[in-house]
Amino acid sequence: VQIRDAKGNRDRFVPLPEATLTALRQFWQLHRHPELLFPNRHGGLSAAHRARTPLDRGGVQTTLRQVAQDCGLKKRSPRTV
């Protein structure tokens, strides 16, 4: 996976585990947006295939907070999820 403008405004490549690729493919099957892997979901997941913008920072934070809570994690950050 290519990460653009990462820390220090540098691009880098990181490996993508097969299990992660499988999970991403399954997630895409839910919305099937033609361009975005993580579309904005203001209209709900059923409307995500019509989204014009990607999931924003607030949407990522809300999702991570919910996942951490569902998993029973006390320290909630992208690194713990």
PDB file of N, CA and C in Angstrom:
ATOM      1  N   VAL A   1       0.854  -1.167   0.000  1.00  0.00           N
ATOM      2  CA  VAL A   1       0.000   0.000   0.000  1.00  0.00           C
ATOM      3  C   VAL A   1       0.898   1.227   0.000  1.00  0.00           C
ATOM      4  N   GLN A   2       0.576   2.173  -0.862  1.00  0.00           N
ATOM      5  CA  GLN A   2       1.324   3.422  -0.884  1.00  0.00           C
ATOM      6  C   GLN A   2       0.637   4.418   0.037  1.00  0.00           C
ATOM      7  N   ILE A   3       1.401   4.973   0.975  1.00  0.00           N
ATOM      8  CA  ILE A   3       0.919   6.012   1.882  1.00  0.00           C
ATOM      9  C   ILE A   3       1.494   7.325   1.379  1.00  0.00           C
ATOM     10  N   ARG A   4       0.624   8.233   0.992  1.00  0.00           N
ATOM     11  CA  ARG A   4       1.081   9.522   0.463  1.00  0.00           C
ATOM     12  C   ARG A   4       1.124  10.556   1.569  1.00  0.00           C
ATOM     13  N   ASP A   5       2.126  11.412   1.514  1.00  0.00           N
ATOM     14  CA  ASP A   5       2.285  12.512   2.475  1.00  0.00           C
ATOM     15  C   ASP A   5       2.220  12.013   3.915  1.00  0.00           C
ATOM     16  N   ALA A   6       2.978  10.986   4.207  1.00  0.00           N
ATOM     17  CA  ALA A   6       3.026  10.432   5.563  1.00  0.00           C
ATOM     18  C   ALA A   6       3.868  11.354   6.449  1.00  0.00           C
ATOM     19  N   LYS A   7       4.266  10.851   7.580  1.00  0.00           N
ATOM     20  CA  LYS A   7       5.076  11.624   8.509  1.00  0.00           C
ATOM     21  C   LYS A   7       6.273  12.232   7.785  1.00  0.00           C
ATOM     22  N   GLY A   8       6.482  13.499   7.991  1.00  0.00           N
ATOM     23  CA  GLY A   8       7.575  14.183   7.311  1.00  0.00           C
ATOM     24  C   GLY A   8       7.253  14.502   5.857  1.00  0.00           C
ATOM     25  N   ASN A   9       5.960  14.453   5.503  1.00  0.00           N
ATOM     26  CA  ASN A   9       5.503  14.713   4.129  1.00  0.00           C
ATOM     27  C   ASN A   9       6.196  13.820   3.111  1.00  0.00           C
ATOM     28  N   ARG A  10       6.482  12.583   3.508  1.00  0.00           N
ATOM     29  CA  ARG A  10       7.126  11.639   2.589  1.00  0.00           C
ATOM     30  C   ARG A  10       6.151  10.536   2.229  1.00  0.00           C
ATOM     31  N   ASP A  11       6.298  10.037   1.029  1.00  0.00           N
ATOM     32  CA  ASP A  11       5.523   8.876   0.602  1.00  0.00           C
ATOM     33  C   ASP A  11       6.272   7.627   1.040  1.00  0.00           C
ATOM     34  N   ARG A  12       5.519   6.583   1.353  1.00  0.00           N
ATOM     35  CA  ARG A  12       6.158   5.327   1.718  1.00  0.00           C
ATOM     36  C   ARG A  12       5.236   4.172   1.340  1.00  0.00           C
ATOM     37  N   PHE A  13       5.807   2.988   1.308  1.00  0.00           N
ATOM     38  CA  PHE A  13       5.059   1.770   1.019  1.00  0.00           C
ATOM     39  C   PHE A  13       5.073   0.886   2.255  1.00  0.00           C
ATOM     40  N   VAL A  14       3.921   0.305   2.572  1.00  0.00           N
ATOM     41  CA  VAL A  14       3.820  -0.611   3.698  1.00  0.00           C
ATOM     42  C   VAL A  14       3.156  -1.901   3.217  1.00  0.00           C
ATOM     43  N   PRO A  15       3.524  -3.032   3.803  1.00  0.00           N
ATOM     44  CA  PRO A  15       2.901  -4.290   3.384  1.00  0.00           C
ATOM     45  C   PRO A  15       1.443  -4.362   3.828  1.00  0.00           C
ATOM     46  N   LEU A  16       0.644  -5.057   3.048  1.00  0.00           N
ATOM     47  CA  LEU A  16      -0.766  -5.258   3.366  1.00  0.00           C
ATOM     48  C   LEU A  16      -0.993  -6.752   3.584  1.00  0.00           C
ATOM     49  N   PRO A  17      -1.266  -7.144   4.822  1.00  0.00           N
ATOM     50  CA  PRO A  17      -1.489  -8.568   5.087  1.00  0.00           C
ATOM     51  C   PRO A  17      -2.691  -9.101   4.299  1.00  0.00           C
ATOM     52  N   GLU A  18      -2.641 -10.359   3.941  1.00  0.00           N
ATOM     53  CA  GLU A  18      -3.713 -10.986   3.165  1.00  0.00           C
ATOM     54  C   GLU A  18      -5.057 -10.877   3.887  1.00  0.00           C
ATOM     55  N   ALA A  19      -5.063 -11.036   5.211  1.00  0.00           N
ATOM     56  CA  ALA A  19      -6.315 -10.939   5.972  1.00  0.00           C
ATOM     57  C   ALA A  19      -6.919  -9.536   5.872  1.00  0.00           C
ATOM     58  N   THR A  20      -6.061  -8.519   5.851  1.00  0.00           N
ATOM     59  CA  THR A  20      -6.538  -7.151   5.718  1.00  0.00           C
ATOM     60  C   THR A  20      -7.123  -6.926   4.333  1.00  0.00           C
ATOM     61  N   LEU A  21      -6.450  -7.427   3.316  1.00  0.00           N
ATOM     62  CA  LEU A  21      -6.959  -7.311   1.953  1.00  0.00           C
ATOM     63  C   LEU A  21      -8.321  -7.978   1.829  1.00  0.00           C
ATOM     64  N   THR A  22      -8.474  -9.124   2.429  1.00  0.00           N
ATOM     65  CA  THR A  22      -9.759  -9.834   2.405  1.00  0.00           C
ATOM     66  C   THR A  22     -10.846  -8.999   3.086  1.00  0.00           C
ATOM     67  N   ALA A  23     -10.515  -8.425   4.242  1.00  0.00           N
ATOM     68  CA  ALA A  23     -11.487  -7.593   4.965  1.00  0.00           C
ATOM     69  C   ALA A  23     -11.872  -6.362   4.159  1.00  0.00           C
ATOM     70  N   LEU A  24     -10.901  -5.728   3.500  1.00  0.00           N
ATOM     71  CA  LEU A  24     -11.194  -4.550   2.670  1.00  0.00           C
ATOM     72  C   LEU A  24     -12.085  -4.919   1.490  1.00  0.00           C
ATOM     73  N   ARG A  25     -11.819  -6.052   0.890  1.00  0.00           N
ATOM     74  CA  ARG A  25     -12.663  -6.503  -0.220  1.00  0.00           C
ATOM     75  C   ARG A  25     -14.085  -6.773   0.252  1.00  0.00           C
ATOM     76  N   GLN A  26     -14.245  -7.370   1.408  1.00  0.00           N
ATOM     77  CA  GLN A  26     -15.573  -7.632   1.946  1.00  0.00           C
ATOM     78  C   GLN A  26     -16.305  -6.329   2.256  1.00  0.00           C
ATOM     79  N   PHE A  27     -15.575  -5.352   2.799  1.00  0.00           N
ATOM     80  CA  PHE A  27     -16.187  -4.057   3.090  1.00  0.00           C
ATOM     81  C   PHE A  27     -16.639  -3.389   1.802  1.00  0.00           C
ATOM     82  N   TRP A  28     -15.815  -3.430   0.761  1.00  0.00           N
ATOM     83  CA  TRP A  28     -16.186  -2.814  -0.513  1.00  0.00           C
ATOM     84  C   TRP A  28     -17.448  -3.462  -1.076  1.00  0.00           C
ATOM     85  N   GLN A  29     -17.615  -4.752  -0.864  1.00  0.00           N
ATOM     86  CA  GLN A  29     -18.812  -5.446  -1.352  1.00  0.00           C
ATOM     87  C   GLN A  29     -20.088  -4.865  -0.735  1.00  0.00           C
ATOM     88  N   LEU A  30     -19.986  -4.227   0.426  1.00  0.00           N
ATOM     89  CA  LEU A  30     -21.159  -3.642   1.075  1.00  0.00           C
ATOM     90  C   LEU A  30     -21.650  -2.381   0.375  1.00  0.00           C
ATOM     91  N   HIS A  31     -20.725  -1.597  -0.200  1.00  0.00           N
ATOM     92  CA  HIS A  31     -21.143  -0.324  -0.799  1.00  0.00           C
ATOM     93  C   HIS A  31     -20.856  -0.222  -2.296  1.00  0.00           C
ATOM     94  N   ARG A  32     -19.857  -0.921  -2.789  1.00  0.00           N
ATOM     95  CA  ARG A  32     -19.498  -0.971  -4.210  1.00  0.00           C
ATOM     96  C   ARG A  32     -19.358   0.404  -4.882  1.00  0.00           C
ATOM     97  N   HIS A  33     -18.749   1.343  -4.166  1.00  0.00           N
ATOM     98  CA  HIS A  33     -18.496   2.655  -4.761  1.00  0.00           C
ATOM     99  C   HIS A  33     -17.463   2.484  -5.870  1.00  0.00           C
ATOM    100  N   PRO A  34     -17.677   3.097  -7.036  1.00  0.00           N
ATOM    101  CA  PRO A  34     -16.764   2.877  -8.159  1.00  0.00           C
ATOM    102  C   PRO A  34     -15.368   3.479  -7.997  1.00  0.00           C
ATOM    103  N   GLU A  35     -15.196   4.437  -7.075  1.00  0.00           N
ATOM    104  CA  GLU A  35     -13.892   5.097  -6.932  1.00  0.00           C
ATOM    105  C   GLU A  35     -13.339   5.086  -5.508  1.00  0.00           C
ATOM    106  N   LEU A  36     -14.205   5.106  -4.516  1.00  0.00           N
ATOM    107  CA  LEU A  36     -13.763   5.273  -3.130  1.00  0.00           C
ATOM    108  C   LEU A  36     -13.866   3.975  -2.339  1.00  0.00           C
ATOM    109  N   LEU A  37     -12.812   3.649  -1.614  1.00  0.00           N
ATOM    110  CA  LEU A  37     -12.864   2.493  -0.724  1.00  0.00           C
ATOM    111  C   LEU A  37     -13.604   2.849   0.562  1.00  0.00           C
ATOM    112  N   PHE A  38     -13.416   4.081   1.050  1.00  0.00           N
ATOM    113  CA  PHE A  38     -14.077   4.559   2.254  1.00  0.00           C
ATOM    114  C   PHE A  38     -14.904   5.801   1.932  1.00  0.00           C
ATOM    115  N   PRO A  39     -16.086   5.625   1.316  1.00  0.00           N
ATOM    116  CA  PRO A  39     -16.913   6.780   0.972  1.00  0.00           C
ATOM    117  C   PRO A  39     -17.557   7.396   2.211  1.00  0.00           C
ATOM    118  N   ASN A  40     -17.861   8.693   2.101  1.00  0.00           N
ATOM    119  CA  ASN A  40     -18.580   9.382   3.147  1.00  0.00           C
ATOM    120  C   ASN A  40     -19.940   8.709   3.313  1.00  0.00           C
ATOM    121  N   ARG A  41     -20.346   8.467   4.558  1.00  0.00           N
ATOM    122  CA  ARG A  41     -21.581   7.711   4.782  1.00  0.00           C
ATOM    123  C   ARG A  41     -22.646   8.540   5.493  1.00  0.00           C
ATOM    124  N   HIS A  42     -22.768   9.824   5.158  1.00  0.00           N
ATOM    125  CA  HIS A  42     -23.782  10.652   5.817  1.00  0.00           C
ATOM    126  C   HIS A  42     -25.184  10.126   5.553  1.00  0.00           C
ATOM    127  N   GLY A  43     -25.405   9.509   4.403  1.00  0.00           N
ATOM    128  CA  GLY A  43     -26.715   8.945   4.102  1.00  0.00           C
ATOM    129  C   GLY A  43     -26.845   7.501   4.536  1.00  0.00           C
ATOM    130  N   GLY A  44     -25.882   7.010   5.300  1.00  0.00           N
ATOM    131  CA  GLY A  44     -25.890   5.617   5.724  1.00  0.00           C
ATOM    132  C   GLY A  44     -25.140   4.749   4.725  1.00  0.00           C
ATOM    133  N   LEU A  45     -24.855   3.539   5.109  1.00  0.00           N
ATOM    134  CA  LEU A  45     -24.094   2.628   4.262  1.00  0.00           C
ATOM    135  C   LEU A  45     -24.830   2.332   2.960  1.00  0.00           C
ATOM    136  N   SER A  46     -26.165   2.319   3.018  1.00  0.00           N
ATOM    137  CA  SER A  46     -26.929   2.035   1.795  1.00  0.00           C
ATOM    138  C   SER A  46     -26.787   3.131   0.752  1.00  0.00           C
ATOM    139  N   ALA A  47     -26.437   4.350   1.174  1.00  0.00           N
ATOM    140  CA  ALA A  47     -26.263   5.462   0.238  1.00  0.00           C
ATOM    141  C   ALA A  47     -24.793   5.715  -0.099  1.00  0.00           C
ATOM    142  N   ALA A  48     -23.890   4.929   0.472  1.00  0.00           N
ATOM    143  CA  ALA A  48     -22.457   5.171   0.308  1.00  0.00           C
ATOM    144  C   ALA A  48     -22.000   5.059  -1.140  1.00  0.00           C
ATOM    145  N   HIS A  49     -22.675   4.250  -1.944  1.00  0.00           N
ATOM    146  CA  HIS A  49     -22.258   4.092  -3.336  1.00  0.00           C
ATOM    147  C   HIS A  49     -22.484   5.361  -4.152  1.00  0.00           C
ATOM    148  N   ARG A  50     -23.272   6.308  -3.616  1.00  0.00           N
ATOM    149  CA  ARG A  50     -23.521   7.581  -4.311  1.00  0.00           C
ATOM    150  C   ARG A  50     -22.699   8.728  -3.734  1.00  0.00           C
ATOM    151  N   ALA A  51     -21.887   8.466  -2.723  1.00  0.00           N
ATOM    152  CA  ALA A  51     -21.113   9.530  -2.068  1.00  0.00           C
ATOM    153  C   ALA A  51     -20.175  10.194  -3.057  1.00  0.00           C
ATOM    154  N   ARG A  52     -19.976  11.474  -2.859  1.00  0.00           N
ATOM    155  CA  ARG A  52     -19.069  12.224  -3.734  1.00  0.00           C
ATOM    156  C   ARG A  52     -17.741  12.524  -3.068  1.00  0.00           C
ATOM    157  N   THR A  53     -17.681  12.313  -1.760  1.00  0.00           N
ATOM    158  CA  THR A  53     -16.456  12.604  -1.016  1.00  0.00           C
ATOM    159  C   THR A  53     -16.057  11.397  -0.173  1.00  0.00           C
ATOM    160  N   PRO A  54     -14.766  11.300   0.145  1.00  0.00           N
ATOM    161  CA  PRO A  54     -14.324  10.191   1.006  1.00  0.00           C
ATOM    162  C   PRO A  54     -14.739  10.425   2.454  1.00  0.00           C
ATOM    163  N   LEU A  55     -14.657   9.377   3.242  1.00  0.00           N
ATOM    164  CA  LEU A  55     -14.923   9.465   4.670  1.00  0.00           C
ATOM    165  C   LEU A  55     -13.982  10.513   5.256  1.00  0.00           C
ATOM    166  N   ASP A  56     -14.524  11.461   6.021  1.00  0.00           N
ATOM    167  CA  ASP A  56     -13.689  12.525   6.562  1.00  0.00           C
ATOM    168  C   ASP A  56     -13.100  12.138   7.921  1.00  0.00           C
ATOM    169  N   ARG A  57     -12.267  13.010   8.449  1.00  0.00           N
ATOM    170  CA  ARG A  57     -11.563  12.752   9.709  1.00  0.00           C
ATOM    171  C   ARG A  57     -12.524  12.459  10.855  1.00  0.00           C
ATOM    172  N   GLY A  58     -13.614  13.227  10.926  1.00  0.00           N
ATOM    173  CA  GLY A  58     -14.606  13.009  11.982  1.00  0.00           C
ATOM    174  C   GLY A  58     -15.247  11.636  11.872  1.00  0.00           C
ATOM    175  N   GLY A  59     -15.507  11.205  10.651  1.00  0.00           N
ATOM    176  CA  GLY A  59     -16.094   9.886  10.437  1.00  0.00           C
ATOM    177  C   GLY A  59     -15.149   8.777  10.859  1.00  0.00           C
ATOM    178  N   VAL A  60     -13.868   8.964  10.587  1.00  0.00           N
ATOM    179  CA  VAL A  60     -12.860   7.977  11.011  1.00  0.00           C
ATOM    180  C   VAL A  60     -12.794   7.925  12.534  1.00  0.00           C
ATOM    181  N   GLN A  61     -12.769   9.097  13.175  1.00  0.00           N
ATOM    182  CA  GLN A  61     -12.695   9.137  14.634  1.00  0.00           C
ATOM    183  C   GLN A  61     -13.913   8.480  15.278  1.00  0.00           C
ATOM    184  N   THR A  62     -15.092   8.767  14.744  1.00  0.00           N
ATOM    185  CA  THR A  62     -16.317   8.175  15.279  1.00  0.00           C
ATOM    186  C   THR A  62     -16.299   6.656  15.132  1.00  0.00           C
ATOM    187  N   THR A  63     -15.876   6.191  13.961  1.00  0.00           N
ATOM    188  CA  THR A  63     -15.817   4.756  13.709  1.00  0.00           C
ATOM    189  C   THR A  63     -14.823   4.074  14.635  1.00  0.00           C
ATOM    190  N   LEU A  64     -13.628   4.650  14.781  1.00  0.00           N
ATOM    191  CA  LEU A  64     -12.610   4.058  15.658  1.00  0.00           C
ATOM    192  C   LEU A  64     -13.067   4.044  17.112  1.00  0.00           C
ATOM    193  N   ARG A  65     -13.726   5.091  17.537  1.00  0.00           N
ATOM    194  CA  ARG A  65     -14.232   5.158  18.909  1.00  0.00           C
ATOM    195  C   ARG A  65     -15.236   4.023  19.152  1.00  0.00           C
ATOM    196  N   GLN A  66     -16.129   3.803  18.194  1.00  0.00           N
ATOM    197  CA  GLN A  66     -17.132   2.759  18.328  1.00  0.00           C
ATOM    198  C   GLN A  66     -16.490   1.362  18.325  1.00  0.00           C
ATOM    199  N   VAL A  67     -15.534   1.148  17.424  1.00  0.00           N
ATOM    200  CA  VAL A  67     -14.856  -0.151  17.356  1.00  0.00           C
ATOM    201  C   VAL A  67     -14.116  -0.425  18.664  1.00  0.00           C
ATOM    202  N   ALA A  68     -13.406   0.575  19.187  1.00  0.00           N
ATOM    203  CA  ALA A  68     -12.674   0.395  20.444  1.00  0.00           C
ATOM    204  C   ALA A  68     -13.627   0.072  21.587  1.00  0.00           C
ATOM    205  N   GLN A  69     -14.760   0.757  21.621  1.00  0.00           N
ATOM    206  CA  GLN A  69     -15.749   0.497  22.672  1.00  0.00           C
ATOM    207  C   GLN A  69     -16.314  -0.913  22.529  1.00  0.00           C
ATOM    208  N   ASP A  70     -16.642  -1.313  21.313  1.00  0.00           N
ATOM    209  CA  ASP A  70     -17.181  -2.656  21.067  1.00  0.00           C
ATOM    210  C   ASP A  70     -16.190  -3.751  21.458  1.00  0.00           C
ATOM    211  N   CYS A  71     -14.885  -3.454  21.313  1.00  0.00           N
ATOM    212  CA  CYS A  71     -13.846  -4.436  21.641  1.00  0.00           C
ATOM    213  C   CYS A  71     -13.441  -4.387  23.113  1.00  0.00           C
ATOM    214  N   GLY A  72     -13.980  -3.434  23.868  1.00  0.00           N
ATOM    215  CA  GLY A  72     -13.652  -3.316  25.282  1.00  0.00           C
ATOM    216  C   GLY A  72     -12.294  -2.696  25.536  1.00  0.00           C
ATOM    217  N   LEU A  73     -11.758  -1.931  24.573  1.00  0.00           N
ATOM    218  CA  LEU A  73     -10.456  -1.302  24.750  1.00  0.00           C
ATOM    219  C   LEU A  73     -10.607  -0.036  25.574  1.00  0.00           C
ATOM    220  N   LYS A  74      -9.730   0.118  26.566  1.00  0.00           N
ATOM    221  CA  LYS A  74      -9.793   1.314  27.401  1.00  0.00           C
ATOM    222  C   LYS A  74      -9.018   2.464  26.764  1.00  0.00           C
ATOM    223  N   LYS A  75      -7.844   2.159  26.228  1.00  0.00           N
ATOM    224  CA  LYS A  75      -7.065   3.175  25.529  1.00  0.00           C
ATOM    225  C   LYS A  75      -7.529   3.170  24.083  1.00  0.00           C
ATOM    226  N   ARG A  76      -8.075   4.270  23.626  1.00  0.00           N
ATOM    227  CA  ARG A  76      -8.665   4.320  22.293  1.00  0.00           C
ATOM    228  C   ARG A  76      -7.852   5.222  21.371  1.00  0.00           C
ATOM    229  N   SER A  77      -7.188   4.596  20.428  1.00  0.00           N
ATOM    230  CA  SER A  77      -6.449   5.334  19.410  1.00  0.00           C
ATOM    231  C   SER A  77      -6.342   4.436  18.181  1.00  0.00           C
ATOM    232  N   PRO A  78      -6.008   5.016  17.018  1.00  0.00           N
ATOM    233  CA  PRO A  78      -5.859   4.176  15.828  1.00  0.00           C
ATOM    234  C   PRO A  78      -4.826   3.068  16.015  1.00  0.00           C
ATOM    235  N   ARG A  79      -3.827   3.296  16.832  1.00  0.00           N
ATOM    236  CA  ARG A  79      -2.786   2.282  17.027  1.00  0.00           C
ATOM    237  C   ARG A  79      -3.273   1.099  17.855  1.00  0.00           C
ATOM    238  N   THR A  80      -4.230   1.329  18.758  1.00  0.00           N
ATOM    239  CA  THR A  80      -4.728   0.220  19.567  1.00  0.00           C
ATOM    240  C   THR A  80      -5.774  -0.593  18.817  1.00  0.00           C
ATOM    241  N   VAL A  81      -6.429   0.011  17.852  1.00  0.00           N
ATOM    242  CA  VAL A  81      -7.445  -0.700  17.069  1.00  0.00           C
ATOM    243  C   VAL A  81      -6.743  -1.403  15.950  1.00  0.00           C
TER     244      VAL A  81
END
